[in-house]
C-alpha atoms as a PDB file:
ATOM      1  CA  MET A   1      49.985 -32.470 -26.154  1.00  0.00           C
ATOM      2  CA  ALA A   2      47.596 -29.787 -24.784  1.00  0.00           C
ATOM      3  CA  SER A   3      47.769 -28.821 -21.213  1.00  0.00           C
ATOM      4  CA  PRO A   4      44.911 -29.783 -18.958  1.00  0.00           C
ATOM      5  CA  LYS A   5      42.186 -27.299 -18.549  1.00  0.00           C
ATOM      6  CA  PRO A   6      41.990 -25.636 -15.125  1.00  0.00           C
ATOM      7  CA  SER A   7      38.848 -25.921 -13.110  1.00  0.00           C
ATOM      8  CA  THR A   8      37.002 -22.668 -11.903  1.00  0.00           C
ATOM      9  CA  SER A   9      39.163 -22.402  -8.791  1.00  0.00           C
ATOM     10  CA  GLY A  10      42.135 -22.760 -11.050  1.00  0.00           C
ATOM     11  CA  ILE A  11      43.059 -26.418  -9.982  1.00  0.00           C
ATOM     12  CA  ILE A  12      44.820 -28.493 -12.776  1.00  0.00           C
ATOM     13  CA  THR A  13      44.673 -32.351 -12.546  1.00  0.00           C
ATOM     14  CA  ASP A  14      47.791 -34.132 -13.735  1.00  0.00           C
ATOM     15  CA  GLU A  15      46.579 -36.831 -16.248  1.00  0.00           C
ATOM     16  CA  ASN A  16      49.428 -39.253 -15.594  1.00  0.00           C
ATOM     17  CA  SER A  17      49.716 -39.322 -11.761  1.00  0.00           C
ATOM     18  CA  GLY A  18      46.093 -37.980 -10.989  1.00  0.00           C
ATOM     19  CA  GLU A  19      47.545 -35.467  -8.566  1.00  0.00           C
ATOM     20  CA  ARG A  20      45.832 -32.068  -8.503  1.00  0.00           C
ATOM     21  CA  HIS A  21      47.616 -28.732  -7.948  1.00  0.00           C
ATOM     22  CA  ILE A  22      47.263 -24.947  -8.594  1.00  0.00           C
ATOM     23  CA  PRO A  23      50.307 -24.031 -10.834  1.00  0.00           C
ATOM     24  CA  GLU A  24      52.647 -21.292  -9.810  1.00  0.00           C
ATOM     25  CA  SER A  25      51.927 -17.814 -11.142  1.00  0.00           C
ATOM     26  CA  MET A  26      53.205 -14.296 -11.108  1.00  0.00           C
ATOM     27  CA  ARG A  27      52.057 -11.697  -8.637  1.00  0.00           C
ATOM     28  CA  ALA A  28      51.451  -7.987  -9.747  1.00  0.00           C
ATOM     29  CA  ASP A  29      54.680  -6.963  -8.100  1.00  0.00           C
ATOM     30  CA  GLY A  30      56.747  -9.562 -10.130  1.00  0.00           C
ATOM     31  CA  THR A  31      57.389 -12.316  -7.419  1.00  0.00           C
ATOM     32  CA  THR A  32      56.269 -15.878  -8.167  1.00  0.00           C
ATOM     33  CA  ARG A  33      53.532 -17.576  -6.318  1.00  0.00           C
ATOM     34  CA  LYS A  34      54.518 -21.172  -5.563  1.00  0.00           C
ATOM     35  CA  ALA A  35      52.443 -23.985  -6.836  1.00  0.00           C
ATOM     36  CA  ILE A  36      49.970 -25.440  -4.350  1.00  0.00           C
ATOM     37  CA  LYS A  37      49.258 -29.134  -3.906  1.00  0.00           C
ATOM     38  CA  ILE A  38      45.657 -30.073  -3.392  1.00  0.00           C
ATOM     39  CA  ARG A  39      44.917 -33.046  -1.167  1.00  0.00           C
ATOM     40  CA  PRO A  40      42.907 -35.831  -2.692  1.00  0.00           C
ATOM     41  CA  GLY A  41      39.138 -35.676  -2.277  1.00  0.00           C
ATOM     42  CA  TYR A  42      39.007 -31.956  -1.507  1.00  0.00           C
ATOM     43  CA  ARG A  43      36.577 -29.941  -3.812  1.00  0.00           C
ATOM     44  CA  PRO A  44      36.707 -26.044  -3.279  1.00  0.00           C
ATOM     45  CA  PRO A  45      33.380 -24.273  -3.119  1.00  0.00           C
ATOM     46  CA  GLU A  46      34.001 -22.730  -6.504  1.00  0.00           C
ATOM     47  CA  ASP A  47      33.968 -26.172  -8.338  1.00  0.00           C
ATOM     48  CA  VAL A  48      30.958 -27.334  -6.502  1.00  0.00           C
ATOM     49  CA  GLU A  49      27.951 -27.309  -9.023  1.00  0.00           C
ATOM     50  CA  VAL A  50      24.968 -25.407  -7.643  1.00  0.00           C
ATOM     51  CA  TYR A  51      22.044 -27.562  -7.395  1.00  0.00           C
ATOM     52  CA  LYS A  52      19.123 -26.408  -9.533  1.00  0.00           C
ATOM     53  CA  ASN A  53      15.606 -27.161  -8.601  1.00  0.00           C
ATOM     54  CA  ARG A  54      13.509 -27.317 -11.689  1.00  0.00           C
ATOM     55  CA  THR A  55      10.290 -26.493  -9.961  1.00  0.00           C
ATOM     56  CA  ALA A  56      11.863 -23.516  -8.174  1.00  0.00           C
ATOM     57  CA  GLU A  57      13.302 -22.441 -11.511  1.00  0.00           C
ATOM     58  CA  THR A  58       9.967 -22.540 -13.351  1.00  0.00           C
ATOM     59  CA  PHE A  59       8.260 -20.758 -10.363  1.00  0.00           C
ATOM     60  CA  ARG A  60      10.828 -17.926 -10.614  1.00  0.00           C
ATOM     61  CA  ASN A  61      10.381 -17.708 -14.281  1.00  0.00           C
ATOM     62  CA  ARG A  62       6.493 -18.029 -14.187  1.00  0.00           C
ATOM     63  CA  GLY A  63       5.733 -14.487 -15.235  1.00  0.00           C
ATOM     64  CA  LYS A  64       8.331 -14.153 -18.084  1.00  0.00           C
ATOM     65  CA  GLY A  65       7.029 -16.939 -20.292  1.00  0.00           C
ATOM     66  CA  GLY A  66       3.405 -15.730 -20.628  1.00  0.00           C
ATOM     67  CA  VAL A  67       0.314 -17.964 -20.641  1.00  0.00           C
ATOM     68  CA  VAL A  68       0.487 -21.285 -22.409  1.00  0.00           C
ATOM     69  CA  GLY A  69      -1.699 -21.183 -25.481  1.00  0.00           C
ATOM     70  CA  ALA A  70      -2.280 -17.340 -25.233  1.00  0.00           C
ATOM     71  CA  GLU A  71      -0.436 -16.761 -28.565  1.00  0.00           C
ATOM     72  CA  GLY A  72      -3.302 -18.727 -30.482  1.00  0.00           C
ATOM     73  CA  LEU A  73      -5.999 -16.550 -28.764  1.00  0.00           C
ATOM     74  CA  LYS A  74      -4.345 -13.308 -29.786  1.00  0.00           C
ATOM     75  CA  GLU A  75      -4.284 -14.518 -33.325  1.00  0.00           C
ATOM     76  CA  GLN A  76      -7.964 -15.370 -33.268  1.00  0.00           C
ATOM     77  CA  LYS A  77      -8.807 -12.068 -31.728  1.00  0.00           C
ATOM     78  CA  GLN A  78      -7.128 -10.146 -34.633  1.00  0.00           C
ATOM     79  CA  GLU A  79      -8.965 -12.293 -37.196  1.00  0.00           C
ATOM     80  CA  ALA A  80     -12.432 -11.780 -35.608  1.00  0.00           C
ATOM     81  CA  PRO A  81     -14.342  -8.702 -37.003  1.00  0.00           C
ATOM     82  CA  ALA A  82     -15.059  -5.844 -34.756  1.00  0.00           C
ATOM     83  CA  SER A  83     -18.545  -5.747 -33.211  1.00  0.00           C
ATOM     84  CA  ALA A  84     -21.095  -3.150 -34.183  1.00  0.00           C
ATOM     85  CA  ALA A  85     -20.814  -1.506 -30.601  1.00  0.00           C
ATOM     86  CA  ALA A  86     -17.057  -1.353 -30.917  1.00  0.00           C
ATOM     87  CA  ASN A  87     -17.438   0.331 -34.486  1.00  0.00           C
ATOM     88  CA  LYS A  88     -19.797   2.881 -33.215  1.00  0.00           C
ATOM     89  CA  ASN A  89     -17.643   3.638 -30.243  1.00  0.00           C
ATOM     90  CA  ALA A  90     -14.602   4.143 -32.485  1.00  0.00           C
ATOM     91  CA  LYS A  91     -16.660   6.523 -34.681  1.00  0.00           C
ATOM     92  CA  ARG A  92     -17.652   8.566 -31.706  1.00  0.00           C
ATOM     93  CA  ARG A  93     -14.066   8.721 -30.556  1.00  0.00           C
ATOM     94  CA  GLU A  94     -13.030  10.026 -34.068  1.00  0.00           C
ATOM     95  CA  ALA A  95     -15.933  12.543 -34.010  1.00  0.00           C
ATOM     96  CA  ARG A  96     -14.807  13.859 -30.551  1.00  0.00           C
ATOM     97  CA  LYS A  97     -11.321  14.250 -31.660  1.00  0.00           C
ATOM     98  CA  LYS A  98     -12.169  16.107 -34.800  1.00  0.00           C
ATOM     99  CA  ALA A  99     -14.464  18.442 -32.791  1.00  0.00           C
ATOM    100  CA  LYS A 100     -11.662  19.182 -30.326  1.00  0.00           C
ATOM    101  CA  SER A 101      -9.190  19.864 -33.075  1.00  0.00           C
ATOM    102  CA  THR A 102     -11.578  22.121 -35.009  1.00  0.00           C
ATOM    103  CA  ASN A 103     -12.465  24.538 -32.194  1.00  0.00           C
ATOM    104  CA  PRO A 104     -10.287  24.167 -29.145  1.00  0.00           C
ATOM    105  CA  SER A 105     -11.086  27.767 -27.957  1.00  0.00           C
ATOM    106  CA  GLU A 106     -14.865  27.036 -27.542  1.00  0.00           C
ATOM    107  CA  ASP A 107     -14.006  23.903 -25.455  1.00  0.00           C
ATOM    108  CA  THR A 108     -11.669  25.688 -23.081  1.00  0.00           C
ATOM    109  CA  THR A 109     -14.361  28.383 -22.353  1.00  0.00           C
ATOM    110  CA  ALA A 110     -17.019  25.714 -21.946  1.00  0.00           C
ATOM    111  CA  THR A 111     -15.044  23.887 -19.378  1.00  0.00           C
ATOM    112  CA  ALA A 112     -14.164  27.178 -17.492  1.00  0.00           C
ATOM    113  CA  ASP A 113     -17.953  27.885 -17.454  1.00  0.00           C
ATOM    114  CA  SER A 114     -18.779  24.567 -16.028  1.00  0.00           C
ATOM    115  CA  LYS A 115     -15.948  24.758 -13.414  1.00  0.00           C
ATOM    116  CA  ALA A 116     -17.034  28.151 -11.990  1.00  0.00           C
ATOM    117  CA  PRO A 117     -20.527  27.167 -10.650  1.00  0.00           C
ATOM    118  CA  GLU A 118     -18.886  24.091  -8.955  1.00  0.00           C
ATOM    119  CA  ASN A 119     -16.475  26.452  -7.239  1.00  0.00           C
ATOM    120  CA  SER A 120     -19.222  28.794  -6.097  1.00  0.00           C
ATOM    121  CA  SER A 121     -21.357  25.889  -4.799  1.00  0.00           C
ATOM    122  CA  THR A 122     -18.412  24.537  -2.642  1.00  0.00           C
ATOM    123  CA  GLY A 123     -17.913  27.964  -1.211  1.00  0.00           C
ATOM    124  CA  ALA A 124     -21.749  28.120  -0.311  1.00  0.00           C
ATOM    125  CA  LYS A 125     -21.393  24.731   1.352  1.00  0.00           C
ATOM    126  CA  ALA A 126     -18.493  25.945   3.453  1.00  0.00           C
ATOM    127  CA  GLU A 127     -20.529  29.027   4.537  1.00  0.00           C
ATOM    128  CA  GLU A 128     -23.594  26.735   5.236  1.00  0.00           C
ATOM    129  CA  VAL A 129     -21.759  24.834   7.998  1.00  0.00           C
ATOM    130  CA  ASP A 130     -23.547  26.399  11.052  1.00  0.00           C
ATOM    131  CA  PRO A 131     -21.654  26.782  14.183  1.00  0.00           C
ATOM    132  CA  GLU A 132     -24.710  25.882  16.198  1.00  0.00           C
ATOM    133  CA  ALA A 133     -25.138  22.572  14.184  1.00  0.00           C
ATOM    134  CA  GLU A 134     -21.433  21.854  14.742  1.00  0.00           C
ATOM    135  CA  LYS A 135     -22.011  22.455  18.571  1.00  0.00           C
ATOM    136  CA  GLU A 136     -24.959  19.969  18.572  1.00  0.00           C
ATOM    137  CA  LYS A 137     -22.979  17.486  16.709  1.00  0.00           C
ATOM    138  CA  LYS A 138     -20.128  17.572  19.318  1.00  0.00           C
ATOM    139  CA  ALA A 139     -22.651  17.605  22.035  1.00  0.00           C
ATOM    140  CA  ARG A 140     -24.244  14.288  20.648  1.00  0.00           C
ATOM    141  CA  ASN A 141     -20.874  12.878  20.510  1.00  0.00           C
ATOM    142  CA  LEU A 142     -20.011  13.554  23.996  1.00  0.00           C
ATOM    143  CA  LYS A 143     -23.465  12.449  25.210  1.00  0.00           C
ATOM    144  CA  LYS A 144     -22.840   9.132  23.532  1.00  0.00           C
ATOM    145  CA  LYS A 145     -19.299   8.802  25.092  1.00  0.00           C
ATOM    146  CA  LEU A 146     -20.765   9.815  28.592  1.00  0.00           C
ATOM    147  CA  LYS A 147     -23.493   7.271  28.317  1.00  0.00           C
ATOM    148  CA  GLN A 148     -20.900   4.512  27.388  1.00  0.00           C
ATOM    149  CA  ALA A 149     -18.898   5.653  30.441  1.00  0.00           C
ATOM    150  CA  LYS A 150     -21.734   5.477  32.859  1.00  0.00           C
ATOM    151  CA  ASP A 151     -22.771   1.937  31.632  1.00  0.00           C
ATOM    152  CA  LEU A 152     -19.194   0.861  32.263  1.00  0.00           C
ATOM    153  CA  LYS A 153     -19.291   2.453  35.832  1.00  0.00           C
ATOM    154  CA  ASN A 154     -22.496   0.614  36.597  1.00  0.00           C
ATOM    155  CA  LYS A 155     -20.837  -2.711  35.407  1.00  0.00           C
ATOM    156  CA  LYS A 156     -17.793  -1.985  37.504  1.00  0.00           C
ATOM    157  CA  GLU A 157     -19.984  -1.283  40.519  1.00  0.00           C
ATOM    158  CA  GLY A 158     -21.779  -4.581  39.744  1.00  0.00           C
ATOM    159  CA  GLY A 159     -18.539  -6.511  40.192  1.00  0.00           C
ATOM    160  CA  GLU A 160     -17.493  -7.054  36.598  1.00  0.00           C
ATOM    161  CA  ALA A 161     -13.819  -6.815  35.646  1.00  0.00           C
ATOM    162  CA  LEU A 162     -13.072  -4.069  33.103  1.00  0.00           C
ATOM    163  CA  LEU A 163     -10.330  -3.703  30.517  1.00  0.00           C
ATOM    164  CA  PRO A 164      -7.826  -0.986  31.014  1.00  0.00           C
ATOM    165  CA  GLU A 165      -9.346   0.999  28.089  1.00  0.00           C
ATOM    166  CA  GLN A 166     -12.783   0.747  29.754  1.00  0.00           C
ATOM    167  CA  ILE A 167     -11.419   1.984  33.106  1.00  0.00           C
ATOM    168  CA  ALA A 168      -9.925   4.979  31.388  1.00  0.00           C
ATOM    169  CA  LYS A 169     -13.338   5.780  29.914  1.00  0.00           C
ATOM    170  CA  VAL A 170     -14.976   5.650  33.375  1.00  0.00           C
ATOM    171  CA  ILE A 171     -12.227   7.982  34.734  1.00  0.00           C
ATOM    172  CA  LYS A 172     -13.099  10.515  32.054  1.00  0.00           C
ATOM    173  CA  ILE A 173     -16.851  10.940  33.094  1.00  0.00           C
ATOM    174  CA  ASN A 174     -16.285  14.261  34.912  1.00  0.00           C
ATOM    175  CA  GLU A 175     -14.145  15.572  32.123  1.00  0.00           C
ATOM    176  CA  LEU A 176     -17.021  14.818  29.652  1.00  0.00           C
ATOM    177  CA  VAL A 177     -19.459  16.521  31.917  1.00  0.00           C
ATOM    178  CA  ARG A 178     -17.435  19.604  31.894  1.00  0.00           C
ATOM    179  CA  GLU A 179     -17.056  19.618  28.140  1.00  0.00           C
ATOM    180  CA  LEU A 180     -20.801  19.285  27.786  1.00  0.00           C
ATOM    181  CA  GLU A 181     -21.382  22.213  30.280  1.00  0.00           C
ATOM    182  CA  ALA A 182     -18.842  24.403  28.288  1.00  0.00           C
ATOM    183  CA  LEU A 183     -20.910  23.740  25.142  1.00  0.00           C
ATOM    184  CA  GLY A 184     -24.114  24.761  27.070  1.00  0.00           C
ATOM    185  CA  PHE A 185     -25.523  21.235  27.809  1.00  0.00           C
ATOM    186  CA  ASP A 186     -26.315  19.678  31.007  1.00  0.00           C
ATOM    187  CA  ALA A 187     -24.826  16.199  32.308  1.00  0.00           C
ATOM    188  CA  ASP A 188     -27.791  14.410  30.432  1.00  0.00           C
ATOM    189  CA  GLY A 189     -26.815  16.088  27.115  1.00  0.00           C
ATOM    190  CA  GLU A 190     -29.981  18.275  27.197  1.00  0.00           C
ATOM    191  CA  PRO A 191     -29.492  22.004  26.256  1.00  0.00           C
ATOM    192  CA  LYS A 192     -29.436  24.229  29.353  1.00  0.00           C
ATOM    193  CA  THR A 193     -32.354  26.671  29.633  1.00  0.00           C
ATOM    194  CA  ASP A 194     -32.087  30.152  31.126  1.00  0.00           C
ATOM    195  CA  ALA A 195     -34.673  29.147  33.948  1.00  0.00           C
ATOM    196  CA  ALA A 196     -32.449  26.247  34.887  1.00  0.00           C
ATOM    197  CA  GLU A 197     -29.455  28.357  35.176  1.00  0.00           C
ATOM    198  CA  ALA A 198     -31.302  30.946  37.079  1.00  0.00           C
ATOM    199  CA  THR A 199     -32.439  28.390  39.727  1.00  0.00           C
ATOM    200  CA  LYS A 200     -28.819  27.033  40.002  1.00  0.00           C
ATOM    201  CA  GLU A 201     -27.486  30.615  40.651  1.00  0.00           C
ATOM    202  CA  GLY A 202     -30.331  31.504  43.174  1.00  0.00           C
END
Protein backbone atom coordinates (compact mmCIF):
# COMPACT_ATOMS: atom_id res chain seq x y z
CA MET A 1 0.00 0.00 0.00
CA ALA A 2 1.38 3.44 -1.01
CA SER A 3 2.06 6.01 1.69
CA PRO A 4 -0.32 9.01 1.72
CA LYS A 5 0.86 12.04 -0.21
CA PRO A 6 1.94 14.99 2.02
CA SER A 7 0.30 18.38 1.59
CA THR A 8 2.19 21.57 0.64
CA SER A 9 3.11 22.19 4.28
CA GLY A 10 4.26 18.55 4.70
CA ILE A 11 1.24 17.27 6.67
CA ILE A 12 0.30 13.62 6.18
CA THR A 13 -3.22 12.37 6.99
CA ASP A 14 -3.50 8.84 8.37
CA GLU A 15 -6.22 7.09 6.31
CA ASN A 16 -7.27 4.71 9.12
CA SER A 17 -7.52 7.07 12.09
CA GLY A 18 -7.87 10.38 10.23
CA GLU A 19 -5.17 11.95 12.40
CA ARG A 20 -2.81 14.43 10.79
CA HIS A 21 0.89 14.79 11.55
CA ILE A 22 4.21 15.95 10.12
CA PRO A 23 6.45 12.85 9.99
CA GLU A 24 9.83 12.83 11.69
CA SER A 25 12.75 13.88 9.51
CA MET A 26 16.52 14.26 9.60
CA ARG A 27 18.20 17.62 10.16
CA ALA A 28 21.34 18.64 8.26
CA ASP A 29 23.50 17.92 11.31
CA GLY A 30 22.21 14.31 11.50
CA THR A 31 19.79 14.66 14.44
CA THR A 32 16.17 13.57 14.04
CA ARG A 33 13.25 15.96 14.12
CA LYS A 34 10.30 14.48 16.08
CA ALA A 35 6.95 13.89 14.42
CA ILE A 36 4.49 16.71 15.09
CA LYS A 37 0.79 16.07 15.66
CA ILE A 38 -1.57 18.55 14.05
CA ARG A 39 -4.77 19.36 15.93
CA PRO A 40 -8.04 18.65 14.12
CA GLY A 41 -9.42 21.57 12.08
CA TYR A 42 -6.10 23.43 11.81
CA ARG A 43 -5.15 24.41 8.29
CA PRO A 44 -1.70 25.99 7.79
CA PRO A 45 -1.39 29.00 5.46
CA GLU A 46 0.61 26.93 2.94
CA ASP A 47 -2.38 24.61 2.45
CA VAL A 48 -4.97 27.37 2.07
CA GLU A 49 -5.90 27.74 -1.58
CA VAL A 50 -5.55 31.29 -2.88
CA TYR A 51 -8.84 32.72 -4.10
CA LYS A 52 -8.65 33.57 -7.77
CA ASN A 53 -11.01 36.24 -8.98
CA ARG A 54 -11.69 35.59 -12.66
CA THR A 55 -12.50 39.23 -13.41
CA ALA A 56 -9.26 40.44 -11.83
CA GLU A 57 -7.32 37.73 -13.65
CA THR A 58 -8.73 38.75 -17.04
CA PHE A 59 -8.06 42.42 -16.21
CA ARG A 60 -4.40 41.62 -15.43
CA ASN A 61 -3.98 39.67 -18.66
CA ARG A 62 -5.89 42.15 -20.86
CA GLY A 63 -2.83 43.32 -22.86
CA LYS A 64 -1.38 39.87 -23.46
CA GLY A 65 -4.18 38.24 -25.39
CA GLY A 66 -4.63 40.93 -28.02
CA VAL A 67 -7.91 42.20 -29.44
CA VAL A 68 -10.61 39.64 -30.07
CA GLY A 69 -11.14 39.19 -33.80
CA ALA A 70 -7.98 41.08 -34.77
CA GLU A 71 -6.42 37.99 -36.36
CA GLY A 72 -9.14 37.94 -39.02
CA LEU A 73 -8.54 41.61 -39.85
CA LYS A 74 -4.81 41.04 -40.30
CA GLU A 75 -5.51 38.25 -42.75
CA GLN A 76 -7.89 40.47 -44.72
CA LYS A 77 -5.29 43.25 -44.88
CA GLN A 78 -2.71 40.92 -46.34
CA GLU A 79 -5.14 39.73 -48.97
CA ALA A 80 -6.21 43.26 -50.02
CA PRO A 81 -4.12 44.70 -52.88
CA ALA A 82 -2.05 47.83 -52.15
CA SER A 83 -3.62 51.11 -53.27
CA ALA A 84 -2.20 53.22 -56.10
CA ALA A 85 -0.90 55.86 -53.67
CA ALA A 86 0.87 53.20 -51.58
CA ASN A 87 2.51 51.79 -54.71
CA LYS A 88 3.63 55.26 -55.75
CA ASN A 89 5.13 55.95 -52.31
CA ALA A 90 6.94 52.61 -52.34
CA LYS A 91 8.45 53.43 -55.76
CA ARG A 92 9.59 56.85 -54.50
CA ARG A 93 11.25 55.27 -51.46
CA GLU A 94 13.10 52.79 -53.65
CA ALA A 95 14.23 55.58 -56.02
CA ARG A 96 15.56 57.59 -53.06
CA LYS A 97 17.45 54.58 -51.74
CA LYS A 98 19.00 53.98 -55.16
CA ALA A 99 19.98 57.66 -55.46
CA LYS A 100 21.65 57.58 -52.06
CA SER A 101 23.53 54.38 -52.75
CA THR A 102 24.84 55.57 -56.16
CA ASN A 103 26.27 58.95 -55.07
CA PRO A 104 26.63 59.31 -51.29
CA SER A 105 29.45 61.89 -51.62
CA GLU A 106 27.15 64.36 -53.42
CA ASP A 107 24.52 63.97 -50.71
CA THR A 108 26.95 64.78 -47.93
CA THR A 109 28.19 67.94 -49.69
CA ALA A 110 24.63 69.05 -50.38
CA THR A 111 23.63 68.60 -46.74
CA ALA A 112 26.74 70.44 -45.56
CA ASP A 113 25.92 73.36 -47.90
CA SER A 114 22.32 73.49 -46.72
CA LYS A 115 23.41 73.50 -43.06
CA ALA A 116 25.92 76.32 -43.51
CA PRO A 117 23.38 79.10 -44.27
CA GLU A 118 21.24 78.03 -41.31
CA ASN A 119 24.18 78.42 -38.94
CA SER A 120 25.08 81.84 -40.31
CA SER A 121 21.45 83.01 -40.01
CA THR A 122 21.27 81.93 -36.37
CA GLY A 123 24.50 83.83 -35.70
CA ALA A 124 23.00 86.92 -37.34
CA LYS A 125 19.87 86.59 -35.20
CA ALA A 126 21.99 86.45 -32.07
CA GLU A 127 23.73 89.66 -33.13
CA GLU A 128 20.41 91.33 -33.99
CA VAL A 129 19.28 91.26 -30.33
CA ASP A 130 19.60 94.93 -29.54
CA PRO A 131 20.50 95.85 -25.95
CA GLU A 132 18.19 98.87 -26.24
CA ALA A 133 15.26 96.65 -27.28
CA GLU A 134 16.09 94.28 -24.43
CA LYS A 135 16.08 97.23 -22.03
CA GLU A 136 12.67 98.41 -23.29
CA LYS A 137 11.26 94.91 -22.96
CA LYS A 138 12.42 94.69 -19.35
CA ALA A 139 11.02 98.18 -18.66
CA ARG A 140 7.61 97.18 -20.10
CA ASN A 141 7.59 94.12 -17.85
CA LEU A 142 8.48 96.20 -14.77
CA LYS A 143 5.87 98.83 -15.74
CA LYS A 144 3.21 96.12 -15.91
CA LYS A 145 4.20 94.76 -12.48
CA LEU A 146 4.22 98.27 -11.04
CA LYS A 147 0.72 98.96 -12.40
CA GLN A 148 -0.59 95.73 -10.83
CA ALA A 149 1.06 96.60 -7.50
CA LYS A 150 -0.45 100.11 -7.51
CA ASP A 151 -3.91 98.70 -8.29
CA LEU A 152 -3.56 96.28 -5.37
CA LYS A 153 -2.43 99.15 -3.10
CA ASN A 154 -5.55 101.13 -4.06
CA LYS A 155 -7.71 98.08 -3.28
CA LYS A 156 -6.02 97.71 0.09
CA GLU A 157 -6.61 101.39 0.88
CA GLY A 158 -10.23 100.89 -0.19
CA GLY A 159 -10.59 98.29 2.58
CA GLU A 160 -10.39 95.06 0.58
CA ALA A 161 -8.59 92.07 2.09
CA LEU A 162 -5.55 90.97 0.07
CA LEU A 163 -3.87 87.60 -0.25
CA PRO A 164 -0.29 87.20 1.06
CA GLU A 165 1.09 87.14 -2.53
CA GLN A 166 -0.75 90.36 -3.31
CA ILE A 167 0.61 92.05 -0.18
CA ALA A 168 4.13 91.00 -1.26
CA LYS A 169 3.53 92.73 -4.61
CA VAL A 170 2.43 95.95 -2.84
CA ILE A 171 5.59 95.89 -0.70
CA LYS A 172 7.76 95.67 -3.84
CA ILE A 173 6.49 98.96 -5.36
CA ASN A 174 9.57 101.00 -4.32
CA GLU A 175 11.88 98.24 -5.55
CA LEU A 176 10.17 98.23 -8.98
CA VAL A 177 10.46 102.02 -9.21
CA ARG A 178 14.21 101.80 -8.41
CA GLU A 179 14.71 99.14 -11.10
CA LEU A 180 12.89 101.31 -13.66
CA GLU A 181 15.07 104.30 -12.75
CA ALA A 182 18.20 102.17 -13.12
CA LEU A 183 17.08 101.31 -16.65
CA GLY A 184 16.55 105.03 -17.40
CA PHE A 185 12.76 105.18 -17.03
CA ASP A 186 10.63 107.20 -14.62
CA ALA A 187 8.06 105.78 -12.17
CA ASP A 188 5.36 105.81 -14.88
CA GLY A 189 7.53 103.69 -17.17
CA GLU A 190 8.24 106.58 -19.57
CA PRO A 191 11.84 107.11 -20.79
CA LYS A 192 13.62 109.88 -18.87
CA THR A 193 14.57 112.93 -20.91
CA ASP A 194 17.69 115.00 -20.32
CA ALA A 195 15.56 118.10 -19.59
CA ALA A 196 13.64 116.28 -16.87
CA GLU A 197 16.88 115.09 -15.30
CA ALA A 198 18.28 118.66 -15.41
CA THR A 199 15.21 120.07 -13.62
CA LYS A 200 15.55 117.41 -10.93
CA GLU A 201 19.21 118.28 -10.41
CA GLY A 202 18.59 122.10 -10.40
